[in-house]
């Protein structure tokens, strides 16, 4: 009787472990920008101009492999012209392409 109970529990556990779960986070057609460099060089952050239209201020983080807790900025997917200004001087300018859910790390000098 103990063997039957043991095999029943074991079979239930093995079958239950085979179930996969899919989780989706965020908006599907959204990409992200992350600005890294030496934060002491940018004490007030930087100003970002996207496609010569949208402007926003961004925080500069220390370059690290862990980006889970860093501030990222959501933008639409596709090709974008990104210009980064610090004290009204251009420090970064590039045409970039971002796919869905991609995070582009922009490394500032």
N, C-alpha and C. Protein backbone atom coordinates (compact mmCIF):
# COMPACT_ATOMS: atom_id res chain seq x y z
N UNK A 1 0.82 -1.18 0.00
CA UNK A 1 0.00 0.00 0.00
C UNK A 1 0.87 1.26 0.00
N UNK A 2 1.99 1.22 0.76
CA UNK A 2 2.88 2.36 0.80
C UNK A 2 3.53 2.60 -0.56
N UNK A 3 3.84 1.51 -1.28
CA UNK A 3 4.44 1.65 -2.60
C UNK A 3 3.47 2.31 -3.58
N UNK A 4 2.22 1.95 -3.54
CA UNK A 4 1.21 2.53 -4.44
C UNK A 4 1.05 4.03 -4.13
N UNK A 5 0.99 4.36 -2.85
CA UNK A 5 0.85 5.75 -2.45
C UNK A 5 2.09 6.54 -2.87
N UNK A 6 3.27 5.97 -2.67
CA UNK A 6 4.51 6.63 -3.06
C UNK A 6 4.55 6.89 -4.56
N UNK A 7 4.23 5.90 -5.37
CA UNK A 7 4.24 6.06 -6.83
C UNK A 7 3.17 7.04 -7.31
N UNK A 8 2.03 7.08 -6.65
CA UNK A 8 0.98 8.03 -7.00
C UNK A 8 1.44 9.45 -6.75
N UNK A 9 2.06 9.69 -5.60
CA UNK A 9 2.56 11.02 -5.28
C UNK A 9 3.70 11.41 -6.21
N UNK A 10 4.60 10.49 -6.45
CA UNK A 10 5.73 10.74 -7.34
C UNK A 10 5.26 11.06 -8.75
N UNK A 11 4.31 10.31 -9.27
CA UNK A 11 3.76 10.54 -10.61
C UNK A 11 3.08 11.90 -10.69
N UNK A 12 2.34 12.26 -9.66
CA UNK A 12 1.65 13.55 -9.63
C UNK A 12 2.66 14.69 -9.66
N UNK A 13 3.73 14.57 -8.89
CA UNK A 13 4.76 15.60 -8.86
C UNK A 13 5.47 15.72 -10.20
N UNK A 14 5.80 14.60 -10.82
CA UNK A 14 6.50 14.63 -12.10
C UNK A 14 5.63 15.21 -13.21
N UNK A 15 4.37 14.88 -13.22
CA UNK A 15 3.46 15.41 -14.24
C UNK A 15 3.26 16.91 -14.01
N UNK A 16 3.13 17.32 -12.78
CA UNK A 16 2.92 18.73 -12.46
C UNK A 16 4.11 19.59 -12.79
N UNK A 17 5.32 19.05 -12.78
CA UNK A 17 6.52 19.83 -13.07
C UNK A 17 6.69 20.09 -14.56
N UNK A 18 5.97 19.38 -15.39
CA UNK A 18 6.12 19.54 -16.83
C UNK A 18 5.32 20.68 -17.42
N UNK A 19 4.54 21.37 -16.62
CA UNK A 19 3.71 22.45 -17.13
C UNK A 19 4.56 23.70 -17.27
N UNK A 20 4.46 24.36 -18.43
CA UNK A 20 5.19 25.60 -18.64
C UNK A 20 4.25 26.78 -18.50
N UNK A 21 4.82 27.89 -18.09
CA UNK A 21 4.02 29.09 -17.89
C UNK A 21 4.69 30.22 -18.65
N UNK A 22 3.91 30.93 -19.45
CA UNK A 22 4.43 32.04 -20.21
C UNK A 22 3.97 33.34 -19.57
N UNK A 23 4.93 34.24 -19.36
CA UNK A 23 4.61 35.53 -18.77
C UNK A 23 5.12 36.62 -19.70
N UNK A 24 4.29 37.59 -19.96
CA UNK A 24 4.67 38.71 -20.80
C UNK A 24 4.53 39.99 -20.00
N UNK A 25 5.57 40.82 -20.02
CA UNK A 25 5.55 42.07 -19.27
C UNK A 25 5.72 43.23 -20.24
N UNK A 26 5.10 44.34 -19.90
CA UNK A 26 5.28 45.56 -20.67
C UNK A 26 4.42 45.60 -21.91
N UNK A 27 4.62 46.65 -22.66
CA UNK A 27 3.89 46.86 -23.89
C UNK A 27 4.65 46.18 -25.01
N UNK A 28 3.93 45.51 -25.90
CA UNK A 28 4.59 44.73 -26.95
C UNK A 28 5.45 45.58 -27.88
N UNK A 29 4.96 46.71 -28.34
CA UNK A 29 5.70 47.54 -29.30
C UNK A 29 6.46 48.65 -28.60
N UNK A 30 7.20 48.29 -27.57
CA UNK A 30 7.98 49.27 -26.85
C UNK A 30 9.41 48.78 -26.70
N UNK A 31 10.35 49.71 -26.83
CA UNK A 31 11.76 49.44 -26.62
C UNK A 31 12.24 50.39 -25.53
N UNK A 32 13.48 50.23 -25.11
CA UNK A 32 13.96 51.01 -23.97
C UNK A 32 15.36 51.55 -24.22
N UNK A 33 15.63 52.72 -23.64
CA UNK A 33 16.96 53.33 -23.68
C UNK A 33 17.50 53.39 -22.26
N UNK A 34 18.78 53.08 -22.13
CA UNK A 34 19.48 53.14 -20.85
C UNK A 34 20.75 53.95 -21.08
N UNK A 35 20.98 54.96 -20.27
CA UNK A 35 22.13 55.84 -20.43
C UNK A 35 23.15 55.54 -19.35
N UNK A 36 24.37 55.17 -19.78
CA UNK A 36 25.43 54.82 -18.84
C UNK A 36 26.68 55.64 -19.14
N UNK A 37 27.46 55.85 -18.12
CA UNK A 37 28.69 56.62 -18.23
C UNK A 37 29.23 56.83 -16.83
N UNK A 38 29.93 57.93 -16.64
CA UNK A 38 30.40 58.30 -15.32
C UNK A 38 29.40 59.31 -14.75
N UNK A 39 28.58 58.89 -13.79
CA UNK A 39 27.53 59.78 -13.27
C UNK A 39 28.06 61.12 -12.74
N UNK A 40 29.28 61.14 -12.21
CA UNK A 40 29.83 62.41 -11.70
C UNK A 40 30.09 63.42 -12.82
N UNK A 41 30.24 62.95 -14.06
CA UNK A 41 30.41 63.85 -15.21
C UNK A 41 29.08 64.48 -15.61
N UNK A 42 27.97 63.89 -15.19
CA UNK A 42 26.62 64.35 -15.53
C UNK A 42 25.78 64.46 -14.26
N UNK A 43 26.13 65.38 -13.35
CA UNK A 43 25.43 65.44 -12.06
C UNK A 43 23.94 65.77 -12.19
N UNK A 44 23.57 66.49 -13.23
CA UNK A 44 22.16 66.84 -13.44
C UNK A 44 21.52 66.00 -14.52
N UNK A 45 22.18 64.92 -14.92
CA UNK A 45 21.67 64.07 -15.99
C UNK A 45 21.97 64.69 -17.35
N UNK A 46 21.29 64.19 -18.36
CA UNK A 46 21.47 64.66 -19.73
C UNK A 46 20.11 64.96 -20.34
N UNK A 47 20.12 65.75 -21.41
CA UNK A 47 18.89 65.99 -22.15
C UNK A 47 18.95 65.15 -23.42
N UNK A 48 17.85 64.44 -23.70
CA UNK A 48 17.79 63.55 -24.86
C UNK A 48 16.79 64.13 -25.85
N UNK A 49 17.20 64.18 -27.11
CA UNK A 49 16.32 64.62 -28.19
C UNK A 49 16.12 63.42 -29.10
N UNK A 50 14.88 63.02 -29.27
CA UNK A 50 14.53 61.83 -30.04
C UNK A 50 13.84 62.26 -31.33
N UNK A 51 14.44 61.93 -32.47
CA UNK A 51 13.89 62.23 -33.80
C UNK A 51 13.62 63.72 -34.00
N UNK A 52 14.43 64.58 -33.44
CA UNK A 52 14.31 66.03 -33.55
C UNK A 52 12.95 66.55 -33.09
N UNK A 53 12.20 65.77 -32.33
CA UNK A 53 10.87 66.18 -31.86
C UNK A 53 10.75 66.07 -30.35
N UNK A 54 10.92 64.88 -29.82
CA UNK A 54 10.68 64.61 -28.41
C UNK A 54 11.93 64.92 -27.60
N UNK A 55 11.75 65.67 -26.51
CA UNK A 55 12.86 65.98 -25.61
C UNK A 55 12.51 65.52 -24.20
N UNK A 56 13.50 64.95 -23.53
CA UNK A 56 13.30 64.57 -22.13
C UNK A 56 14.65 64.53 -21.43
N UNK A 57 14.61 64.66 -20.12
CA UNK A 57 15.82 64.57 -19.31
C UNK A 57 16.01 63.12 -18.86
N UNK A 58 17.26 62.69 -18.83
CA UNK A 58 17.54 61.30 -18.46
C UNK A 58 18.65 61.25 -17.41
N UNK A 59 18.57 60.24 -16.60
CA UNK A 59 19.55 59.97 -15.56
C UNK A 59 20.68 59.12 -16.15
N UNK A 60 21.91 59.39 -15.76
CA UNK A 60 23.06 58.60 -16.23
C UNK A 60 23.48 57.67 -15.10
N UNK A 61 23.62 56.39 -15.45
CA UNK A 61 24.00 55.37 -14.47
C UNK A 61 25.42 54.88 -14.72
N UNK A 62 26.00 54.33 -13.69
CA UNK A 62 27.31 53.68 -13.80
C UNK A 62 27.14 52.43 -14.66
N UNK A 63 28.10 52.18 -15.56
CA UNK A 63 28.01 51.03 -16.46
C UNK A 63 28.14 49.74 -15.66
N UNK A 64 27.11 48.91 -15.75
CA UNK A 64 27.07 47.66 -14.99
C UNK A 64 26.36 46.61 -15.83
N UNK A 65 26.63 45.35 -15.54
CA UNK A 65 25.94 44.28 -16.27
C UNK A 65 24.52 44.08 -15.78
N UNK A 66 24.23 44.55 -14.56
CA UNK A 66 22.88 44.40 -14.00
C UNK A 66 22.08 45.66 -14.30
N UNK A 67 20.98 45.50 -15.06
CA UNK A 67 20.16 46.66 -15.39
C UNK A 67 18.76 46.56 -14.79
N UNK A 68 18.54 45.60 -13.92
CA UNK A 68 17.21 45.38 -13.38
C UNK A 68 16.68 46.59 -12.60
N UNK A 69 17.54 47.26 -11.85
CA UNK A 69 17.07 48.33 -10.97
C UNK A 69 17.47 49.72 -11.47
N UNK A 70 17.86 49.82 -12.73
CA UNK A 70 18.25 51.11 -13.28
C UNK A 70 17.08 51.73 -14.03
N UNK A 71 17.08 53.04 -14.13
CA UNK A 71 16.00 53.77 -14.81
C UNK A 71 16.19 53.64 -16.32
N UNK A 72 15.20 53.06 -16.98
CA UNK A 72 15.20 52.97 -18.44
C UNK A 72 14.05 53.81 -18.97
N UNK A 73 14.15 54.22 -20.22
CA UNK A 73 13.17 55.12 -20.82
C UNK A 73 12.52 54.42 -22.01
N UNK A 74 11.21 54.31 -21.98
CA UNK A 74 10.47 53.61 -23.02
C UNK A 74 10.24 54.48 -24.23
N UNK A 75 10.51 53.89 -25.41
CA UNK A 75 10.24 54.56 -26.69
C UNK A 75 9.61 53.54 -27.62
N UNK A 76 9.12 54.02 -28.74
CA UNK A 76 8.52 53.10 -29.71
C UNK A 76 9.61 52.33 -30.45
N UNK A 77 9.24 51.20 -31.02
CA UNK A 77 10.19 50.39 -31.78
C UNK A 77 10.46 51.06 -33.12
N UNK A 78 11.53 50.64 -33.76
CA UNK A 78 11.86 51.17 -35.08
C UNK A 78 13.15 51.96 -35.07
N UNK A 79 13.34 52.75 -36.13
CA UNK A 79 14.55 53.56 -36.29
C UNK A 79 14.34 54.93 -35.67
N UNK A 80 15.32 55.36 -34.88
CA UNK A 80 15.25 56.66 -34.22
C UNK A 80 16.60 57.35 -34.28
N UNK A 81 16.55 58.68 -34.40
CA UNK A 81 17.76 59.49 -34.27
C UNK A 81 17.82 59.93 -32.82
N UNK A 82 18.90 59.59 -32.14
CA UNK A 82 19.06 59.92 -30.73
C UNK A 82 20.22 60.90 -30.59
N UNK A 83 19.93 62.05 -29.97
CA UNK A 83 20.95 63.05 -29.68
C UNK A 83 20.93 63.27 -28.17
N UNK A 84 22.11 63.17 -27.54
CA UNK A 84 22.23 63.37 -26.10
C UNK A 84 23.07 64.62 -25.87
N UNK A 85 22.51 65.54 -25.07
CA UNK A 85 23.18 66.80 -24.79
C UNK A 85 23.51 66.90 -23.30
N UNK A 86 24.67 67.49 -23.02
CA UNK A 86 25.05 67.79 -21.64
C UNK A 86 25.59 69.21 -21.64
N UNK A 87 24.98 70.08 -20.86
CA UNK A 87 25.35 71.51 -20.83
C UNK A 87 25.31 72.12 -22.23
N UNK A 88 24.28 71.77 -22.99
CA UNK A 88 24.04 72.26 -24.36
C UNK A 88 25.13 71.84 -25.35
N UNK A 89 25.90 70.82 -25.04
CA UNK A 89 26.90 70.27 -25.95
C UNK A 89 26.51 68.84 -26.30
N UNK A 90 26.62 68.49 -27.56
CA UNK A 90 26.28 67.14 -28.01
C UNK A 90 27.37 66.17 -27.57
N UNK A 91 26.97 65.14 -26.81
CA UNK A 91 27.93 64.13 -26.36
C UNK A 91 27.68 62.79 -27.05
N UNK A 92 26.52 62.65 -27.71
CA UNK A 92 26.19 61.40 -28.40
C UNK A 92 25.15 61.72 -29.48
N UNK A 93 25.37 61.20 -30.68
CA UNK A 93 24.39 61.36 -31.75
C UNK A 93 24.50 60.14 -32.66
N UNK A 94 23.37 59.47 -32.83
CA UNK A 94 23.41 58.24 -33.63
C UNK A 94 22.01 57.88 -34.09
N UNK A 95 21.93 57.21 -35.23
CA UNK A 95 20.69 56.64 -35.73
C UNK A 95 20.67 55.19 -35.28
N UNK A 96 19.65 54.80 -34.53
CA UNK A 96 19.59 53.44 -33.98
C UNK A 96 18.30 52.76 -34.39
N UNK A 97 18.32 51.43 -34.39
CA UNK A 97 17.12 50.63 -34.64
C UNK A 97 16.87 49.77 -33.41
N UNK A 98 15.64 49.82 -32.93
CA UNK A 98 15.27 49.03 -31.75
C UNK A 98 14.09 48.13 -32.08
N UNK A 99 14.20 46.87 -31.68
CA UNK A 99 13.10 45.93 -31.85
C UNK A 99 12.29 45.86 -30.56
N UNK A 100 11.19 45.17 -30.59
CA UNK A 100 10.28 45.08 -29.46
C UNK A 100 10.97 44.50 -28.23
N UNK A 101 10.80 45.17 -27.10
CA UNK A 101 11.33 44.78 -25.79
C UNK A 101 12.85 44.83 -25.71
N UNK A 102 13.53 45.45 -26.69
CA UNK A 102 14.98 45.57 -26.67
C UNK A 102 15.38 46.77 -25.82
N UNK A 103 16.46 46.63 -25.05
CA UNK A 103 17.02 47.74 -24.29
C UNK A 103 18.35 48.11 -24.91
N UNK A 104 18.45 49.35 -25.37
CA UNK A 104 19.68 49.86 -25.98
C UNK A 104 20.46 50.61 -24.92
N UNK A 105 21.67 50.15 -24.65
CA UNK A 105 22.55 50.80 -23.67
C UNK A 105 23.37 51.84 -24.42
N UNK A 106 23.15 53.12 -24.10
CA UNK A 106 23.90 54.20 -24.72
C UNK A 106 25.02 54.58 -23.78
N UNK A 107 26.26 54.35 -24.24
CA UNK A 107 27.43 54.59 -23.41
C UNK A 107 27.96 55.99 -23.71
N UNK A 108 27.95 56.83 -22.70
CA UNK A 108 28.39 58.21 -22.83
C UNK A 108 29.85 58.35 -22.43
N UNK A 109 30.57 59.29 -23.06
CA UNK A 109 32.00 59.46 -22.73
C UNK A 109 32.20 60.04 -21.33
